[in-house]
Amino acid sequence: MSEIIAHGELIERLLRGEFICRTTCEEGWRALKNPATRDRVEAYLNQINRTVAHAAEGEVFFCGYVNLGDNERKLISAQFREICQSLIPLVEWLVLVQEASGQDAPLTEGAPVRLTELQSRIEDTPAFREQLAKLSQYRLFGSSSSSVDGQIKLVFKRLVELGYLLRPNPEKQIYLATGKLDYLYEVIRFIDETESLSLEAQAETASQRDLL
């Protein structure tokens, strides 16, 4: 069995736009942490103008472009625009979780979020209930529920679909933050550093800096 065939599933994950970290795919993450394996995956991706990009100091891997033609620029601009449009609801959710959980720092890859405990704290605090009601109505989540239970469950369901959270056991209301959140923090820092640039220029520069 060739190395490419052996790592075919990993390559497919990258090409689907998934973020590979220890939480989402430990086997794939370990493979990409190995320079020899990463070089083989990189060699294959280079044939189709793709590359193994990384974030969070090499702890999160995803697929980027080697060269940017017109089509690639259009694609990364669309991706970057989508991320920018999601920033406000995502940041508001992160702030709510941090405050309601009494944590000193925002969620990072691998951190657990116990939905039942979080829901209880939100229900007991009017300010938190108001924050949840507001953010759950953003287009990203699209909740029409008037109850904390309905709002928070839809928000968590969408965050799993978007790849920011993982629910290892469907029988339990325990979620894990994925490396895509760490990637998001880097995007936020990047936007802050380059806020004077146009969206297209930001997207192109981000791609060159392994952010897309």
Protein backbone atom coordinates (compact mmCIF):
# COMPACT_ATOMS: atom_id res chain seq x y z
CA MET A 1 0.00 0.00 0.00
CA SER A 2 1.46 3.38 -1.01
CA GLU A 3 1.78 6.22 1.50
CA ILE A 4 -0.67 8.34 -0.52
CA ILE A 5 -3.31 5.62 -0.43
CA ALA A 6 -2.64 5.07 3.27
CA HIS A 7 -3.25 8.76 3.95
CA GLY A 8 -6.06 9.13 1.42
CA GLU A 9 -8.71 9.83 4.06
CA LEU A 10 -6.54 12.54 5.61
CA ILE A 11 -6.04 14.18 2.21
CA GLU A 12 -9.79 14.01 1.56
CA ARG A 13 -10.48 15.68 4.92
CA LEU A 14 -8.10 18.51 4.05
CA LEU A 15 -9.62 18.96 0.60
CA ARG A 16 -13.12 19.10 2.14
CA GLY A 17 -11.99 22.13 4.12
CA GLU A 18 -11.73 20.40 7.49
CA PHE A 19 -9.39 21.61 10.21
CA ILE A 20 -7.24 18.80 11.54
CA CYS A 21 -6.27 19.05 15.20
CA ARG A 22 -5.75 16.66 18.08
CA THR A 23 -9.42 16.95 19.04
CA THR A 24 -11.02 16.41 15.64
CA CYS A 25 -8.69 13.72 14.28
CA GLU A 26 -5.81 12.71 16.52
CA GLU A 27 -4.46 10.11 14.09
CA GLY A 28 -4.42 12.62 11.22
CA TRP A 29 -2.98 15.31 13.49
CA ARG A 30 -0.13 13.00 14.55
CA ALA A 31 0.52 12.12 10.92
CA LEU A 32 0.80 15.79 9.92
CA LYS A 33 3.02 16.53 12.92
CA ASN A 34 5.46 14.02 11.43
CA PRO A 35 7.63 15.97 8.93
CA ALA A 36 8.12 12.97 6.64
CA THR A 37 4.39 12.23 6.41
CA ARG A 38 3.51 15.90 6.00
CA ASP A 39 6.01 16.19 3.15
CA ARG A 40 4.35 13.26 1.34
CA VAL A 41 0.89 14.74 1.79
CA GLU A 42 2.26 18.11 0.68
CA ALA A 43 3.80 16.60 -2.45
CA TYR A 44 0.44 15.16 -3.46
CA LEU A 45 -1.48 18.37 -2.75
CA ASN A 46 1.06 20.47 -4.65
CA GLN A 47 0.07 18.62 -7.82
CA ILE A 48 -3.37 20.23 -7.59
CA ASN A 49 -2.15 23.65 -6.44
CA ARG A 50 -2.91 22.98 -2.79
CA THR A 51 -0.72 22.97 0.29
CA VAL A 52 -0.81 21.95 3.95
CA ALA A 53 -1.30 25.21 5.84
CA HIS A 54 -1.28 25.54 9.60
CA ALA A 55 -2.35 27.78 12.48
CA ALA A 56 -1.94 27.91 16.26
CA GLU A 57 1.83 27.45 16.04
CA GLY A 58 1.51 24.28 14.00
CA GLU A 59 -1.17 22.60 16.11
CA VAL A 60 -4.00 23.01 13.56
CA PHE A 61 -3.72 21.97 9.91
CA PHE A 62 -5.90 22.85 6.92
CA CYS A 63 -5.69 23.15 3.14
CA GLY A 64 -4.47 26.30 1.41
CA TYR A 65 -3.41 27.30 -2.10
CA VAL A 66 0.12 27.30 -3.49
CA ASN A 67 -0.46 29.88 -6.23
CA LEU A 68 -3.26 32.41 -6.51
CA GLY A 69 -4.90 32.79 -9.90
CA ASP A 70 -8.16 34.61 -10.59
CA ASN A 71 -10.30 31.61 -9.61
CA GLU A 72 -8.37 31.06 -6.37
CA ARG A 73 -8.66 34.75 -5.46
CA LYS A 74 -12.42 34.61 -5.96
CA LEU A 75 -12.71 31.51 -3.78
CA ILE A 76 -10.62 32.82 -0.89
CA SER A 77 -12.37 36.20 -1.05
CA ALA A 78 -15.72 34.41 -0.71
CA GLN A 79 -14.38 32.29 2.17
CA PHE A 80 -12.93 35.32 3.92
CA ARG A 81 -16.17 37.28 3.49
CA GLU A 82 -18.11 34.38 5.02
CA ILE A 83 -15.75 34.29 8.02
CA CYS A 84 -16.04 38.06 8.49
CA GLN A 85 -19.83 37.88 8.43
CA SER A 86 -19.72 35.19 11.13
CA LEU A 87 -17.33 37.01 13.45
CA ILE A 88 -19.83 39.03 15.51
CA PRO A 89 -22.12 36.11 16.49
CA LEU A 90 -19.13 33.83 17.11
CA VAL A 91 -17.33 36.37 19.28
CA GLU A 92 -20.52 37.12 21.24
CA TRP A 93 -20.98 33.39 21.85
CA LEU A 94 -17.37 33.03 23.01
CA VAL A 95 -17.77 35.96 25.39
CA LEU A 96 -21.02 34.52 26.77
CA VAL A 97 -19.43 31.11 27.39
CA GLN A 98 -16.39 32.68 29.04
CA GLU A 99 -18.45 34.92 31.32
CA ALA A 100 -21.11 32.36 32.20
CA SER A 101 -18.45 29.73 32.93
CA GLY A 102 -16.37 32.13 35.01
CA GLN A 103 -13.26 31.37 32.94
CA ASP A 104 -10.27 33.73 32.76
CA ALA A 105 -9.51 32.92 29.11
CA PRO A 106 -11.56 32.12 25.99
CA LEU A 107 -12.09 28.58 24.77
CA THR A 108 -9.18 26.88 23.05
CA GLU A 109 -8.82 23.55 21.30
CA GLY A 110 -9.66 20.58 23.51
CA ALA A 111 -11.50 22.57 26.20
CA PRO A 112 -14.79 20.95 27.31
CA VAL A 113 -18.09 22.81 27.40
CA ARG A 114 -20.83 21.21 29.47
CA LEU A 115 -24.05 22.41 27.92
CA THR A 116 -26.29 21.52 30.87
CA GLU A 117 -24.15 23.49 33.36
CA LEU A 118 -23.86 26.43 30.98
CA GLN A 119 -27.62 26.44 30.36
CA SER A 120 -28.35 26.51 34.10
CA ARG A 121 -26.08 29.51 34.64
CA ILE A 122 -27.63 31.36 31.72
CA GLU A 123 -31.17 30.65 32.94
CA ASP A 124 -30.27 31.97 36.39
CA THR A 125 -28.84 35.26 35.09
CA PRO A 126 -31.06 37.76 33.20
CA ALA A 127 -28.08 39.43 31.48
CA PHE A 128 -26.87 36.08 30.13
CA ARG A 129 -30.39 35.19 28.94
CA GLU A 130 -30.52 38.47 27.04
CA GLN A 131 -27.10 37.84 25.47
CA LEU A 132 -28.13 34.35 24.33
CA ALA A 133 -31.45 35.56 22.92
CA LYS A 134 -29.65 38.23 20.89
CA LEU A 135 -26.87 36.08 19.44
CA SER A 136 -29.15 33.11 18.70
CA GLN A 137 -31.15 35.30 16.30
CA TYR A 138 -28.18 36.13 14.09
CA ARG A 139 -28.41 34.62 10.62
CA LEU A 140 -25.52 32.28 11.47
CA PHE A 141 -27.75 30.52 14.03
CA GLY A 142 -31.24 31.57 12.95
CA SER A 143 -33.14 30.63 16.11
CA SER A 144 -36.77 31.61 16.45
CA SER A 145 -37.16 29.98 19.86
CA SER A 146 -38.12 32.07 22.87
CA SER A 147 -36.72 29.56 25.39
CA VAL A 148 -33.14 29.27 26.63
CA ASP A 149 -33.28 25.52 26.00
CA GLY A 150 -34.29 25.92 22.36
CA GLN A 151 -31.85 28.74 21.71
CA ILE A 152 -28.76 27.18 23.25
CA LYS A 153 -29.29 23.75 21.70
CA LEU A 154 -29.65 25.24 18.22
CA VAL A 155 -26.54 27.39 18.70
CA PHE A 156 -24.49 24.36 19.79
CA LYS A 157 -25.89 22.26 16.93
CA ARG A 158 -24.80 24.90 14.40
CA LEU A 159 -21.34 25.23 15.98
CA VAL A 160 -20.85 21.48 15.59
CA GLU A 161 -21.96 21.70 11.94
CA LEU A 162 -19.53 24.57 11.37
CA GLY A 163 -16.66 22.64 12.92
CA TYR A 164 -16.03 24.85 15.96
CA LEU A 165 -17.29 22.23 18.42
CA LEU A 166 -17.20 18.46 18.56
CA ARG A 167 -19.64 16.25 20.46
CA PRO A 168 -17.70 13.01 21.10
CA ASN A 169 -20.59 11.16 22.73
CA PRO A 170 -24.11 11.81 21.37
CA GLU A 171 -25.52 10.48 24.64
CA LYS A 172 -23.88 13.27 26.65
CA GLN A 173 -24.22 17.06 26.52
CA ILE A 174 -20.45 17.58 26.63
CA TYR A 175 -18.76 19.38 23.74
CA LEU A 176 -15.10 19.96 22.94
CA ALA A 177 -13.67 23.09 21.32
CA THR A 178 -11.78 22.32 18.11
CA GLY A 179 -8.70 23.86 16.55
CA LYS A 180 -10.93 25.86 14.22
CA LEU A 181 -11.52 28.21 17.17
CA ASP A 182 -7.77 28.77 17.50
CA TYR A 183 -7.71 29.49 13.76
CA LEU A 184 -10.56 31.97 14.27
CA TYR A 185 -8.53 33.86 16.90
CA GLU A 186 -5.69 34.20 14.40
CA VAL A 187 -8.11 35.54 11.79
CA ILE A 188 -9.39 38.11 14.31
CA ARG A 189 -5.84 39.22 15.13
CA PHE A 190 -5.02 39.38 11.42
CA ILE A 191 -8.08 41.53 10.64
CA ASP A 192 -7.17 43.82 13.51
CA GLU A 193 -3.65 44.22 12.11
CA THR A 194 -4.81 44.85 8.54
CA GLU A 195 -8.09 46.70 9.06
CA SER A 196 -7.03 49.45 6.66
CA LEU A 197 -6.85 46.98 3.76
CA SER A 198 -9.77 46.11 1.49
CA LEU A 199 -11.52 42.78 2.01
CA GLU A 200 -9.94 41.34 -1.15
CA ALA A 201 -6.47 42.47 -0.12
CA GLN A 202 -7.00 41.03 3.36
CA ALA A 203 -8.11 37.72 1.89
CA GLU A 204 -5.10 37.47 -0.42
CA THR A 205 -2.67 38.44 2.32
CA ALA A 206 -4.31 35.99 4.72
CA SER A 207 -3.87 33.18 2.20
CA GLN A 208 -0.20 34.01 1.84
CA ARG A 209 0.14 33.90 5.63
CA ASP A 210 -1.42 30.41 5.92
CA LEU A 211 -4.74 31.71 7.28
CA LEU A 212 -6.86 30.43 4.39
